[in-house]
Amino acid sequence: MKLFIVTVILVLLVALKMPRKRTRHELLATIQFALLMNFVTDLYLDLKYKLYWYFDKEKIEWLYLVVALGEIAVLVIIYNYFPLKSNAIKKFIYILGWTCILVLLELYAVYIRVLHYGEWNIIYSAVVYFISMYILYFVLDYTADRRETQ
C-alpha cells in the first residue's frame, strides 16, 4: 500500500510539473466529464450489479481519495499530451497504448487489494478504457481552444 501511495504522489508531481500543451479549461472540462463518467459507472457496476468494488465494502475507506487523486493525475497526463492534430492512426495508437497502461495499473490495484473483482474481469476493463478514452477525446476536441485558428 505504501508503494501505491508513493506512486500516486509521483504521478501527481509529474502532472503538476509537466509543461502544459492544453489550456486549463480544456483539461478541466475533460477531467470533469471523465470523473462524471467514472462516478456513474462505479455507481452502477459496483453498487447495483456488484461487479467490482474498491477496498472494503463494509466501511468507508479514506484511501479512496488517493485512488481519485491518482486517476485525476493520470488523466491530466493522458489528455495534456493527446495528439489532437495528428491523424486517426496516431490517435488510435495513443489510445491503445494508454489503454494497455491503464489495464496494467488496474491489475496492480487488484494485486494490492485496492480493487476487488466480483463478476468483472480485466478484458471488460480494457474495452471500457478504450471506449472511454475515445469519448474523452471527443470532449477534449470539442473544448479545444480554437483561438489560434480564428
N, C-alpha and C. Protein backbone atom coordinates (compact mmCIF):
# COMPACT_ATOMS: atom_id res chain seq x y z
N MET A 1 0.82 -1.19 0.00
CA MET A 1 0.00 0.00 0.00
C MET A 1 0.87 1.26 0.00
N LYS A 2 2.00 1.19 0.71
CA LYS A 2 2.89 2.35 0.75
C LYS A 2 3.41 2.67 -0.65
N LEU A 3 3.76 1.62 -1.41
CA LEU A 3 4.24 1.83 -2.78
C LEU A 3 3.15 2.47 -3.63
N PHE A 4 1.91 2.07 -3.43
CA PHE A 4 0.78 2.65 -4.15
C PHE A 4 0.67 4.15 -3.87
N ILE A 5 0.75 4.53 -2.60
CA ILE A 5 0.65 5.94 -2.22
C ILE A 5 1.81 6.73 -2.78
N VAL A 6 3.02 6.18 -2.71
CA VAL A 6 4.20 6.85 -3.27
C VAL A 6 4.05 7.01 -4.78
N THR A 7 3.54 5.98 -5.45
CA THR A 7 3.31 6.05 -6.90
C THR A 7 2.33 7.16 -7.25
N VAL A 8 1.24 7.26 -6.50
CA VAL A 8 0.25 8.31 -6.74
C VAL A 8 0.87 9.69 -6.53
N ILE A 9 1.67 9.84 -5.49
CA ILE A 9 2.33 11.13 -5.24
C ILE A 9 3.26 11.48 -6.39
N LEU A 10 4.02 10.51 -6.89
CA LEU A 10 4.93 10.77 -8.02
C LEU A 10 4.15 11.15 -9.28
N VAL A 11 3.05 10.46 -9.54
CA VAL A 11 2.23 10.78 -10.72
C VAL A 11 1.63 12.17 -10.57
N LEU A 12 1.20 12.52 -9.36
CA LEU A 12 0.67 13.87 -9.11
C LEU A 12 1.74 14.93 -9.38
N LEU A 13 2.96 14.68 -8.92
CA LEU A 13 4.05 15.63 -9.15
C LEU A 13 4.34 15.79 -10.64
N VAL A 14 4.34 14.68 -11.37
CA VAL A 14 4.55 14.75 -12.82
C VAL A 14 3.44 15.57 -13.46
N ALA A 15 2.19 15.31 -13.07
CA ALA A 15 1.06 16.04 -13.64
C ALA A 15 1.13 17.53 -13.34
N LEU A 16 1.61 17.88 -12.16
CA LEU A 16 1.70 19.30 -11.78
C LEU A 16 2.87 20.02 -12.43
N LYS A 17 3.98 19.30 -12.65
CA LYS A 17 5.20 19.94 -13.14
C LYS A 17 5.40 19.85 -14.65
N MET A 18 4.62 19.04 -15.35
CA MET A 18 4.84 18.87 -16.79
C MET A 18 4.45 20.15 -17.54
N PRO A 19 5.11 20.40 -18.67
CA PRO A 19 4.74 21.56 -19.48
C PRO A 19 3.34 21.36 -20.06
N ARG A 20 2.55 22.40 -20.02
CA ARG A 20 1.16 22.32 -20.48
C ARG A 20 1.08 22.49 -22.00
N LYS A 21 0.36 21.55 -22.62
CA LYS A 21 0.05 21.66 -24.05
C LYS A 21 -1.41 22.02 -24.26
N ARG A 22 -2.20 21.89 -23.21
CA ARG A 22 -3.63 22.20 -23.25
C ARG A 22 -3.92 23.30 -22.25
N THR A 23 -4.98 24.05 -22.52
CA THR A 23 -5.37 25.09 -21.57
C THR A 23 -6.01 24.44 -20.35
N ARG A 24 -6.08 25.20 -19.28
CA ARG A 24 -6.72 24.69 -18.06
C ARG A 24 -8.19 24.37 -18.33
N HIS A 25 -8.82 25.19 -19.14
CA HIS A 25 -10.23 24.96 -19.48
C HIS A 25 -10.41 23.61 -20.18
N GLU A 26 -9.56 23.32 -21.15
CA GLU A 26 -9.65 22.06 -21.88
C GLU A 26 -9.49 20.87 -20.94
N LEU A 27 -8.45 20.93 -20.11
CA LEU A 27 -8.20 19.83 -19.19
C LEU A 27 -9.30 19.72 -18.14
N LEU A 28 -9.75 20.85 -17.61
CA LEU A 28 -10.79 20.83 -16.59
C LEU A 28 -12.08 20.22 -17.13
N ALA A 29 -12.50 20.64 -18.30
CA ALA A 29 -13.73 20.11 -18.89
C ALA A 29 -13.61 18.61 -19.15
N THR A 30 -12.48 18.19 -19.68
CA THR A 30 -12.28 16.77 -19.98
C THR A 30 -12.23 15.94 -18.71
N ILE A 31 -11.50 16.41 -17.70
CA ILE A 31 -11.37 15.65 -16.45
C ILE A 31 -12.71 15.61 -15.71
N GLN A 32 -13.44 16.71 -15.71
CA GLN A 32 -14.76 16.70 -15.05
C GLN A 32 -15.70 15.70 -15.72
N PHE A 33 -15.68 15.67 -17.04
CA PHE A 33 -16.51 14.71 -17.75
C PHE A 33 -16.07 13.28 -17.42
N ALA A 34 -14.76 13.06 -17.35
CA ALA A 34 -14.23 11.73 -17.02
C ALA A 34 -14.66 11.31 -15.62
N LEU A 35 -14.59 12.23 -14.67
CA LEU A 35 -15.00 11.91 -13.30
C LEU A 35 -16.49 11.61 -13.22
N LEU A 36 -17.29 12.34 -13.98
CA LEU A 36 -18.72 12.08 -14.01
C LEU A 36 -18.99 10.69 -14.60
N MET A 37 -18.32 10.36 -15.70
CA MET A 37 -18.47 9.02 -16.29
C MET A 37 -18.06 7.95 -15.29
N ASN A 38 -16.94 8.18 -14.61
CA ASN A 38 -16.44 7.22 -13.63
C ASN A 38 -17.43 7.04 -12.48
N PHE A 39 -17.97 8.15 -11.99
CA PHE A 39 -18.92 8.09 -10.88
C PHE A 39 -20.16 7.28 -11.27
N VAL A 40 -20.72 7.57 -12.42
CA VAL A 40 -21.92 6.86 -12.87
C VAL A 40 -21.60 5.38 -13.11
N THR A 41 -20.47 5.11 -13.73
CA THR A 41 -20.07 3.72 -13.98
C THR A 41 -19.89 2.97 -12.67
N ASP A 42 -19.14 3.56 -11.73
CA ASP A 42 -18.93 2.91 -10.44
C ASP A 42 -20.24 2.71 -9.70
N LEU A 43 -21.12 3.68 -9.79
CA LEU A 43 -22.41 3.59 -9.11
C LEU A 43 -23.18 2.36 -9.57
N TYR A 44 -23.25 2.17 -10.87
CA TYR A 44 -24.00 1.04 -11.40
C TYR A 44 -23.25 -0.28 -11.27
N LEU A 45 -22.00 -0.30 -11.70
CA LEU A 45 -21.27 -1.57 -11.73
C LEU A 45 -20.87 -2.06 -10.35
N ASP A 46 -20.64 -1.12 -9.42
CA ASP A 46 -20.27 -1.51 -8.06
C ASP A 46 -21.51 -1.70 -7.20
N LEU A 47 -22.26 -0.65 -6.99
CA LEU A 47 -23.36 -0.70 -6.04
C LEU A 47 -24.57 -1.51 -6.52
N LYS A 48 -24.92 -1.35 -7.78
CA LYS A 48 -26.12 -2.03 -8.28
C LYS A 48 -25.84 -3.48 -8.68
N TYR A 49 -24.78 -3.68 -9.48
CA TYR A 49 -24.52 -5.02 -10.01
C TYR A 49 -23.43 -5.78 -9.27
N LYS A 50 -22.70 -5.10 -8.39
CA LYS A 50 -21.65 -5.72 -7.57
C LYS A 50 -20.59 -6.45 -8.42
N LEU A 51 -20.23 -5.83 -9.54
CA LEU A 51 -19.23 -6.43 -10.42
C LEU A 51 -17.81 -6.21 -9.92
N TYR A 52 -17.58 -5.07 -9.27
CA TYR A 52 -16.28 -4.78 -8.65
C TYR A 52 -16.49 -3.76 -7.56
N TRP A 53 -15.50 -3.59 -6.71
CA TRP A 53 -15.57 -2.59 -5.65
C TRP A 53 -14.16 -2.25 -5.20
N TYR A 54 -14.05 -1.11 -4.53
CA TYR A 54 -12.77 -0.64 -4.02
C TYR A 54 -12.69 -0.92 -2.52
N PHE A 55 -11.52 -1.33 -2.07
CA PHE A 55 -11.23 -1.54 -0.65
C PHE A 55 -12.24 -2.48 -0.01
N ASP A 56 -12.71 -2.13 1.17
CA ASP A 56 -13.63 -2.96 1.94
C ASP A 56 -15.05 -2.45 1.72
N LYS A 57 -15.96 -3.33 1.37
CA LYS A 57 -17.34 -2.90 1.08
C LYS A 57 -18.10 -2.49 2.34
N GLU A 58 -17.61 -2.87 3.50
CA GLU A 58 -18.35 -2.64 4.74
C GLU A 58 -18.08 -1.29 5.38
N LYS A 59 -17.05 -0.61 4.96
CA LYS A 59 -16.74 0.68 5.60
C LYS A 59 -16.20 1.66 4.57
N ILE A 60 -16.22 2.91 4.93
CA ILE A 60 -15.69 3.96 4.06
C ILE A 60 -14.17 3.99 4.23
N GLU A 61 -13.47 3.95 3.13
CA GLU A 61 -12.01 3.99 3.15
C GLU A 61 -11.54 5.35 2.66
N TRP A 62 -10.84 6.06 3.50
CA TRP A 62 -10.31 7.36 3.11
C TRP A 62 -9.23 7.22 2.05
N LEU A 63 -8.66 6.03 1.93
CA LEU A 63 -7.65 5.81 0.90
C LEU A 63 -8.24 5.91 -0.51
N TYR A 64 -9.57 5.84 -0.61
CA TYR A 64 -10.19 6.02 -1.93
C TYR A 64 -9.84 7.39 -2.50
N LEU A 65 -9.62 8.37 -1.63
CA LEU A 65 -9.20 9.70 -2.10
C LEU A 65 -7.87 9.62 -2.84
N VAL A 66 -7.00 8.72 -2.40
CA VAL A 66 -5.72 8.53 -3.10
C VAL A 66 -5.98 7.98 -4.50
N VAL A 67 -6.92 7.04 -4.61
CA VAL A 67 -7.29 6.49 -5.92
C VAL A 67 -7.82 7.60 -6.82
N ALA A 68 -8.70 8.43 -6.29
CA ALA A 68 -9.29 9.53 -7.08
C ALA A 68 -8.23 10.52 -7.52
N LEU A 69 -7.33 10.89 -6.62
CA LEU A 69 -6.25 11.82 -6.99
C LEU A 69 -5.33 11.21 -8.04
N GLY A 70 -5.04 9.93 -7.90
CA GLY A 70 -4.22 9.25 -8.90
C GLY A 70 -4.90 9.21 -10.25
N GLU A 71 -6.20 8.97 -10.25
CA GLU A 71 -6.95 8.95 -11.50
C GLU A 71 -6.91 10.31 -12.18
N ILE A 72 -7.12 11.36 -11.41
CA ILE A 72 -7.09 12.72 -11.97
C ILE A 72 -5.72 13.01 -12.56
N ALA A 73 -4.66 12.68 -11.83
CA ALA A 73 -3.30 12.95 -12.31
C ALA A 73 -3.01 12.20 -13.61
N VAL A 74 -3.39 10.94 -13.68
CA VAL A 74 -3.15 10.15 -14.90
C VAL A 74 -3.94 10.74 -16.06
N LEU A 75 -5.19 11.13 -15.83
CA LEU A 75 -5.99 11.73 -16.89
C LEU A 75 -5.41 13.05 -17.38
N VAL A 76 -4.88 13.85 -16.47
CA VAL A 76 -4.24 15.11 -16.87
C VAL A 76 -3.05 14.82 -17.78
N ILE A 77 -2.25 13.82 -17.42
CA ILE A 77 -1.09 13.47 -18.25
C ILE A 77 -1.55 12.96 -19.62
N ILE A 78 -2.53 12.06 -19.63
CA ILE A 78 -3.01 11.48 -20.89
C ILE A 78 -3.53 12.57 -21.83
N TYR A 79 -4.40 13.44 -21.32
CA TYR A 79 -5.05 14.39 -22.21
C TYR A 79 -4.25 15.66 -22.43
N ASN A 80 -3.25 15.92 -21.60
CA ASN A 80 -2.35 17.03 -21.88
C ASN A 80 -1.52 16.73 -23.13
N TYR A 81 -1.12 15.49 -23.28
CA TYR A 81 -0.28 15.10 -24.42
C TYR A 81 -1.07 14.44 -25.56
N PHE A 82 -2.38 14.45 -25.49
CA PHE A 82 -3.17 13.80 -26.53
C PHE A 82 -2.88 14.46 -27.88
N PRO A 83 -2.59 13.65 -28.92
CA PRO A 83 -2.25 14.20 -30.24
C PRO A 83 -3.48 14.65 -31.03
N LEU A 84 -4.08 15.75 -30.62
CA LEU A 84 -5.32 16.22 -31.26
C LEU A 84 -5.16 16.49 -32.75
N LYS A 85 -4.01 17.01 -33.14
CA LYS A 85 -3.82 17.41 -34.54
C LYS A 85 -3.22 16.31 -35.40
N SER A 86 -3.04 15.12 -34.83
CA SER A 86 -2.48 14.00 -35.58
C SER A 86 -3.57 13.26 -36.34
N ASN A 87 -3.13 12.34 -37.19
CA ASN A 87 -4.10 11.56 -37.96
C ASN A 87 -4.76 10.49 -37.08
N ALA A 88 -5.77 9.84 -37.62
CA ALA A 88 -6.57 8.87 -36.87
C ALA A 88 -5.74 7.68 -36.38
N ILE A 89 -4.76 7.27 -37.17
CA ILE A 89 -3.93 6.12 -36.77
C ILE A 89 -3.10 6.45 -35.54
N LYS A 90 -2.50 7.64 -35.50
CA LYS A 90 -1.72 8.04 -34.33
C LYS A 90 -2.61 8.16 -33.09
N LYS A 91 -3.81 8.68 -33.27
CA LYS A 91 -4.74 8.78 -32.14
C LYS A 91 -5.12 7.39 -31.65
N PHE A 92 -5.38 6.48 -32.58
CA PHE A 92 -5.72 5.10 -32.22
C PHE A 92 -4.58 4.45 -31.44
N ILE A 93 -3.35 4.61 -31.92
CA ILE A 93 -2.19 4.02 -31.25
C ILE A 93 -2.00 4.63 -29.87
N TYR A 94 -2.18 5.94 -29.76
CA TYR A 94 -2.05 6.63 -28.47
C TYR A 94 -3.08 6.09 -27.48
N ILE A 95 -4.33 5.97 -27.91
CA ILE A 95 -5.38 5.45 -27.04
C ILE A 95 -5.13 3.99 -26.70
N LEU A 96 -4.70 3.20 -27.66
CA LEU A 96 -4.40 1.79 -27.41
C LEU A 96 -3.26 1.65 -26.40
N GLY A 97 -2.22 2.46 -26.56
CA GLY A 97 -1.08 2.42 -25.63
C GLY A 97 -1.50 2.76 -24.21
N TRP A 98 -2.28 3.83 -24.07
CA TRP A 98 -2.74 4.21 -22.73
C TRP A 98 -3.74 3.21 -22.18
N THR A 99 -4.52 2.57 -23.03
CA THR A 99 -5.41 1.51 -22.56
C THR A 99 -4.60 0.39 -21.92
N CYS A 100 -3.51 0.00 -22.57
CA CYS A 100 -2.63 -1.04 -22.01
C CYS A 100 -2.05 -0.60 -20.67
N ILE A 101 -1.60 0.64 -20.58
CA ILE A 101 -1.04 1.15 -19.33
C ILE A 101 -2.10 1.15 -18.23
N LEU A 102 -3.31 1.59 -18.55
CA LEU A 102 -4.39 1.62 -17.55
C LEU A 102 -4.78 0.22 -17.10
N VAL A 103 -4.75 -0.74 -18.01
CA VAL A 103 -5.03 -2.13 -17.64
C VAL A 103 -3.96 -2.64 -16.68
N LEU A 104 -2.70 -2.32 -16.95
CA LEU A 104 -1.62 -2.73 -16.04
C LEU A 104 -1.78 -2.08 -14.67
N LEU A 105 -2.15 -0.80 -14.65
CA LEU A 105 -2.39 -0.12 -13.37
C LEU A 105 -3.55 -0.78 -12.62
N GLU A 106 -4.58 -1.17 -13.34
CA GLU A 106 -5.71 -1.84 -12.70
C GLU A 106 -5.30 -3.20 -12.13
N LEU A 107 -4.50 -3.95 -12.89
CA LEU A 107 -4.02 -5.23 -12.38
C LEU A 107 -3.20 -5.05 -11.11
N TYR A 108 -2.41 -3.99 -11.06
CA TYR A 108 -1.65 -3.67 -9.85
C TYR A 108 -2.60 -3.34 -8.70
N ALA A 109 -3.66 -2.58 -8.97
CA ALA A 109 -4.65 -2.24 -7.94
C ALA A 109 -5.34 -3.50 -7.41
N VAL A 110 -5.59 -4.45 -8.28
CA VAL A 110 -6.18 -5.72 -7.84
C VAL A 110 -5.16 -6.49 -6.99
N TYR A 111 -3.93 -6.51 -7.43
CA TYR A 111 -2.87 -7.23 -6.72
C TYR A 111 -2.68 -6.72 -5.30
N ILE A 112 -2.72 -5.40 -5.11
CA ILE A 112 -2.52 -4.84 -3.77
C ILE A 112 -3.84 -4.68 -3.02
N ARG A 113 -4.92 -5.22 -3.57
CA ARG A 113 -6.22 -5.28 -2.92
C ARG A 113 -6.88 -3.92 -2.71
N VAL A 114 -6.60 -3.00 -3.62
CA VAL A 114 -7.33 -1.73 -3.64
C VAL A 114 -8.63 -1.93 -4.40
N LEU A 115 -8.58 -2.75 -5.44
CA LEU A 115 -9.73 -3.05 -6.28
C LEU A 115 -10.02 -4.55 -6.18
N HIS A 116 -11.30 -4.88 -6.08
CA HIS A 116 -11.72 -6.28 -5.98
C HIS A 116 -12.72 -6.57 -7.09
N TYR A 117 -12.56 -7.73 -7.71
CA TYR A 117 -13.48 -8.14 -8.76
C TYR A 117 -14.56 -9.05 -8.19
N GLY A 118 -15.80 -8.81 -8.62
CA GLY A 118 -16.88 -9.75 -8.39
C GLY A 118 -17.00 -10.58 -9.66
N GLU A 119 -17.94 -10.20 -10.52
CA GLU A 119 -18.11 -10.86 -11.81
C GLU A 119 -17.35 -10.15 -12.93
N TRP A 120 -16.56 -9.18 -12.58
CA TRP A 120 -15.80 -8.37 -13.54
C TRP A 120 -14.52 -9.09 -13.92
N ASN A 121 -13.97 -8.76 -15.10
CA ASN A 121 -12.62 -9.23 -15.42
C ASN A 121 -11.90 -8.16 -16.23
N ILE A 122 -10.62 -8.33 -16.38
CA ILE A 122 -9.75 -7.30 -16.96
C ILE A 122 -10.07 -7.02 -18.43
N ILE A 123 -10.61 -7.99 -19.14
CA ILE A 123 -10.98 -7.77 -20.55
C ILE A 123 -12.08 -6.71 -20.64
N TYR A 124 -13.05 -6.76 -19.73
CA TYR A 124 -14.09 -5.74 -19.70
C TYR A 124 -13.48 -4.36 -19.49
N SER A 125 -12.51 -4.30 -18.58
CA SER A 125 -11.85 -3.02 -18.29
C SER A 125 -11.15 -2.48 -19.52
N ALA A 126 -10.46 -3.34 -20.25
CA ALA A 126 -9.74 -2.90 -21.45
C ALA A 126 -10.72 -2.28 -22.45
N VAL A 127 -11.85 -2.93 -22.66
CA VAL A 127 -12.85 -2.41 -23.60
C VAL A 127 -13.41 -1.09 -23.10
N VAL A 128 -13.74 -1.03 -21.81
CA VAL A 128 -14.30 0.21 -21.24
C VAL A 128 -13.29 1.34 -21.31
N TYR A 129 -12.02 1.07 -20.97
CA TYR A 129 -10.99 2.12 -21.05
C TYR A 129 -10.87 2.65 -22.47
N PHE A 130 -10.83 1.74 -23.44
CA PHE A 130 -10.65 2.13 -24.83
C PHE A 130 -11.81 3.03 -25.29
N ILE A 131 -13.03 2.61 -25.02
CA ILE A 131 -14.20 3.40 -25.43
C ILE A 131 -14.25 4.72 -24.67
N SER A 132 -13.98 4.68 -23.38
CA SER A 132 -13.99 5.91 -22.57
C SER A 132 -12.97 6.92 -23.06
N MET A 133 -11.80 6.43 -23.44
CA MET A 133 -10.77 7.36 -23.91
C MET A 133 -11.18 8.01 -25.23
N TYR A 134 -11.87 7.28 -26.08
CA TYR A 134 -12.38 7.90 -27.30
C TYR A 134 -13.45 8.93 -26.99
N ILE A 135 -14.33 8.64 -26.06
CA ILE A 135 -15.35 9.61 -25.65
C ILE A 135 -14.68 10.86 -25.11
N LEU A 136 -13.67 10.68 -24.26
CA LEU A 136 -12.96 11.83 -23.69
C LEU A 136 -12.17 12.59 -24.75
N TYR A 137 -11.70 11.88 -25.77
CA TYR A 137 -11.04 12.57 -26.89
C TYR A 137 -12.03 13.53 -27.56
N PHE A 138 -13.27 13.08 -27.77
CA PHE A 138 -14.27 13.95 -28.39
C PHE A 138 -14.61 15.13 -27.49
N VAL A 139 -14.64 14.91 -26.18
CA VAL A 139 -14.86 16.02 -25.24
C VAL A 139 -13.71 17.01 -25.34
N LEU A 140 -12.49 16.51 -25.33
CA LEU A 140 -11.31 17.38 -25.44
C LEU A 140 -11.32 18.14 -26.76
N ASP A 141 -11.63 17.45 -27.83
CA ASP A 141 -11.67 18.09 -29.14
C ASP A 141 -12.75 19.18 -29.17
N TYR A 142 -13.88 18.92 -28.56
CA TYR A 142 -14.97 19.89 -28.52
C TYR A 142 -14.58 21.14 -27.73
N THR A 143 -13.85 20.94 -26.64
CA THR A 143 -13.48 22.07 -25.78
C THR A 143 -12.15 22.69 -26.16
N ALA A 144 -11.47 22.13 -27.16
CA ALA A 144 -10.14 22.61 -27.53
C ALA A 144 -10.17 24.09 -27.89
N ASP A 145 -9.15 24.77 -27.46
CA ASP A 145 -9.02 26.20 -27.70
C ASP A 145 -8.75 26.43 -29.19
N ARG A 146 -9.64 27.12 -29.84
CA ARG A 146 -9.53 27.35 -31.28
C ARG A 146 -9.07 28.77 -31.62
N ARG A 147 -8.61 29.51 -30.63
CA ARG A 147 -8.24 30.91 -30.88
C ARG A 147 -7.17 31.06 -31.95
N GLU A 148 -6.23 30.10 -31.99
CA GLU A 148 -5.16 30.24 -32.97
C GLU A 148 -5.64 30.03 -34.40
N THR A 149 -6.82 29.42 -34.59
CA THR A 149 -7.32 29.18 -35.94
C THR A 149 -8.35 30.22 -36.38
N GLN A 150 -8.72 31.13 -35.49
CA GLN A 150 -9.74 32.12 -35.85
C GLN A 150 -9.12 33.39 -36.37
